[in-house]
Amino acid sequence: MTAPAMEVHDGYMLTLTVCAALSAAGLAIAFLTAWRRRFVRATRIAAVALLPIGLALSGLLGLAGEVGRAAGSWAADLVVDPQVWTGFAVLALAVVLYVAARFAGARSARRGGGRAARRAESPAGQGAQSPAERSRPAVAPANKPPGGGEDFSEIEAILKKHGI
């Protein structure tokens, strides 16, 4: 049995030759750069120099050509085909609806009309509180000094502890 022959397109050999020449020129420049003891730069140049031949041998260069032809065909259809324009109109409508929904949702949240605000007000929403909120007393402590003044006893104790 023989290995299947590689299909050769019209310009494949020319493309392969040009890419090999570009890679050879780049590797020569990398060699000269390494000769001047700039090894890191020479390594980078060699890496870039190997790209053309690698792309040609892997078939990615041909794929890029096919993608370019397909994009050109699509662009030509864009000018004359009403179906393409209808598709763009539908896409634009989808974007407008999405943006409008985001705007309405943000506006609703600012007004407090969102589900989270209604859930917090309802008795069932009490379970959605954080543990710190649940541990706080619902009423202010009754050990405030008379006269409405603030209690600085804790602050005084800390200052005395540090000798101030």
Protein backbone atom coordinates (compact mmCIF):
# COMPACT_ATOMS: atom_id res chain seq x y z
CA MET A 1 0.00 0.00 0.00
CA THR A 2 1.16 3.47 -0.74
CA ALA A 3 0.52 6.59 1.30
CA PRO A 4 -2.20 8.83 -0.07
CA ALA A 5 -0.74 11.53 -2.25
CA MET A 6 -0.98 15.09 -0.99
CA GLU A 7 -3.35 17.09 -3.09
CA VAL A 8 -1.40 19.84 -4.82
CA HIS A 9 -3.28 22.98 -5.69
CA ASP A 10 -2.25 25.37 -8.45
CA GLY A 11 -0.44 27.87 -6.26
CA TYR A 12 0.62 25.53 -3.46
CA MET A 13 4.17 24.98 -4.71
CA LEU A 14 4.72 28.69 -5.34
CA THR A 15 3.36 29.55 -1.89
CA LEU A 16 5.55 26.92 -0.28
CA THR A 17 8.63 28.23 -2.12
CA VAL A 18 7.98 31.85 -1.10
CA CYS A 19 7.38 30.85 2.53
CA ALA A 20 10.56 28.75 2.57
CA ALA A 21 12.54 31.70 1.18
CA LEU A 22 11.08 34.04 3.82
CA SER A 23 11.91 31.59 6.59
CA ALA A 24 15.45 31.08 5.28
CA ALA A 25 16.03 34.85 5.14
CA GLY A 26 14.71 35.24 8.67
CA LEU A 27 16.89 32.43 9.97
CA ALA A 28 19.92 34.04 8.30
CA ILE A 29 19.15 37.29 10.11
CA ALA A 30 18.75 35.36 13.36
CA PHE A 31 22.14 33.70 12.78
CA LEU A 32 23.81 37.09 12.21
CA THR A 33 22.16 38.46 15.35
CA ALA A 34 23.42 35.48 17.36
CA TRP A 35 26.89 36.01 15.87
CA ARG A 36 26.84 39.45 17.55
CA ARG A 37 26.05 37.68 20.86
CA ARG A 38 22.47 38.91 21.11
CA PHE A 39 21.05 35.48 21.78
CA VAL A 40 17.65 36.46 23.17
CA ARG A 41 16.91 38.69 20.20
CA ALA A 42 18.20 36.01 17.82
CA THR A 43 15.86 33.47 19.38
CA ARG A 44 12.89 35.79 18.91
CA ILE A 45 13.83 36.44 15.29
CA ALA A 46 14.20 32.70 14.64
CA ALA A 47 10.76 32.06 16.16
CA VAL A 48 9.14 34.65 13.90
CA ALA A 49 11.14 33.43 10.90
CA LEU A 50 9.75 29.91 11.24
CA LEU A 51 6.12 31.10 11.06
CA PRO A 52 5.76 31.36 7.24
CA ILE A 53 6.99 27.85 6.49
CA GLY A 54 5.03 26.43 9.42
CA LEU A 55 1.82 28.08 8.25
CA ALA A 56 2.35 26.86 4.69
CA LEU A 57 3.18 23.27 5.65
CA SER A 58 0.27 22.97 8.10
CA GLY A 59 -2.25 24.24 5.55
CA LEU A 60 -3.28 27.23 7.65
CA LEU A 61 -2.13 29.62 4.94
CA GLY A 62 -4.52 28.01 2.46
CA LEU A 63 -7.26 28.12 5.07
CA ALA A 64 -6.67 31.85 5.52
CA GLY A 65 -7.05 32.28 1.76
CA GLU A 66 -10.35 30.40 1.79
CA VAL A 67 -11.59 32.49 4.71
CA GLY A 68 -10.59 35.65 2.84
CA ARG A 69 -12.47 34.53 -0.26
CA ALA A 70 -15.55 33.68 1.82
CA ALA A 71 -15.43 37.07 3.55
CA GLY A 72 -15.13 38.80 0.18
CA SER A 73 -18.10 36.87 -1.17
CA TRP A 74 -20.13 37.78 1.91
CA ALA A 75 -19.16 41.45 1.57
CA ALA A 76 -20.27 41.42 -2.09
CA ASP A 77 -23.59 39.86 -1.07
CA LEU A 78 -23.96 42.50 1.63
CA VAL A 79 -24.24 45.21 -0.98
CA VAL A 80 -26.91 43.59 -3.13
CA ASP A 81 -28.73 40.92 -1.11
CA PRO A 82 -31.79 42.13 0.86
CA GLN A 83 -31.71 38.98 3.02
CA VAL A 84 -28.37 40.09 4.50
CA TRP A 85 -29.81 43.52 5.29
CA THR A 86 -32.80 41.86 6.96
CA GLY A 87 -30.41 39.79 9.06
CA PHE A 88 -28.60 42.93 10.19
CA ALA A 89 -31.93 44.55 11.05
CA VAL A 90 -32.87 41.57 13.21
CA LEU A 91 -29.47 41.70 14.95
CA ALA A 92 -29.88 45.43 15.58
CA LEU A 93 -33.34 44.85 17.03
CA ALA A 94 -31.93 42.19 19.36
CA VAL A 95 -29.24 44.58 20.60
CA VAL A 96 -31.77 47.40 21.15
CA LEU A 97 -34.07 45.07 23.12
CA TYR A 98 -31.18 43.84 25.26
CA VAL A 99 -29.99 47.37 26.05
CA ALA A 100 -33.54 48.51 26.81
CA ALA A 101 -34.04 45.59 29.20
CA ARG A 102 -30.76 46.40 30.99
CA PHE A 103 -31.75 50.06 31.26
CA ALA A 104 -35.22 49.19 32.59
CA GLY A 105 -33.75 46.75 35.10
CA ALA A 106 -31.26 49.31 36.40
CA ARG A 107 -33.97 51.95 36.64
CA SER A 108 -36.25 49.54 38.51
CA ALA A 109 -33.47 48.70 40.95
CA ARG A 110 -32.80 52.40 41.62
CA ARG A 111 -36.47 52.97 42.44
CA GLY A 112 -36.43 50.05 44.84
CA GLY A 113 -39.00 48.15 42.86
CA GLY A 114 -36.82 45.10 42.42
CA ARG A 115 -37.48 41.65 43.85
CA ALA A 116 -34.72 42.08 46.44
CA ALA A 117 -36.39 45.16 47.93
CA ARG A 118 -39.79 43.45 48.13
CA ARG A 119 -38.25 40.31 49.63
CA ALA A 120 -36.46 42.30 52.34
CA GLU A 121 -39.71 44.02 53.31
CA SER A 122 -41.70 40.80 53.55
CA PRO A 123 -41.61 38.62 56.69
CA ALA A 124 -40.38 35.69 54.62
CA GLY A 125 -37.36 37.75 53.60
CA GLN A 126 -36.08 37.80 57.19
CA GLY A 127 -34.27 34.53 56.56
CA ALA A 128 -32.22 36.23 53.84
CA GLN A 129 -30.36 38.36 56.39
CA SER A 130 -26.70 37.81 57.02
CA PRO A 131 -25.63 36.17 60.32
CA ALA A 132 -24.23 39.51 61.54
CA GLU A 133 -27.59 41.20 60.98
CA ARG A 134 -29.42 38.40 62.81
CA SER A 135 -27.12 38.67 65.84
CA ARG A 136 -27.72 42.41 66.29
CA PRO A 137 -30.45 43.35 68.73
CA ALA A 138 -33.55 44.84 67.19
CA VAL A 139 -33.75 47.57 69.85
CA ALA A 140 -30.96 49.85 70.98
CA PRO A 141 -29.39 48.86 74.33
CA ALA A 142 -30.95 50.46 77.38
CA ASN A 143 -27.67 51.08 79.22
CA LYS A 144 -27.11 54.59 77.86
CA PRO A 145 -26.30 57.23 80.44
CA PRO A 146 -29.13 59.60 81.34
CA GLY A 147 -29.29 62.92 79.57
CA GLY A 148 -28.69 61.49 76.09
CA GLY A 149 -24.89 61.88 76.33
CA GLU A 150 -22.57 59.36 74.80
CA ASP A 151 -20.94 56.63 76.87
CA PHE A 152 -17.16 57.08 76.76
CA SER A 153 -16.37 54.50 79.45
CA GLU A 154 -14.99 51.98 76.96
CA ILE A 155 -12.77 54.61 75.36
CA GLU A 156 -11.54 55.76 78.78
CA ALA A 157 -10.70 52.17 79.72
CA ILE A 158 -8.65 51.69 76.55
CA LEU A 159 -6.78 54.96 77.11
CA LYS A 160 -6.02 54.02 80.75
CA LYS A 161 -4.81 50.61 79.62
CA HIS A 162 -2.26 52.25 77.30
CA GLY A 163 -1.24 54.80 79.90
CA ILE A 164 -2.68 57.82 78.17
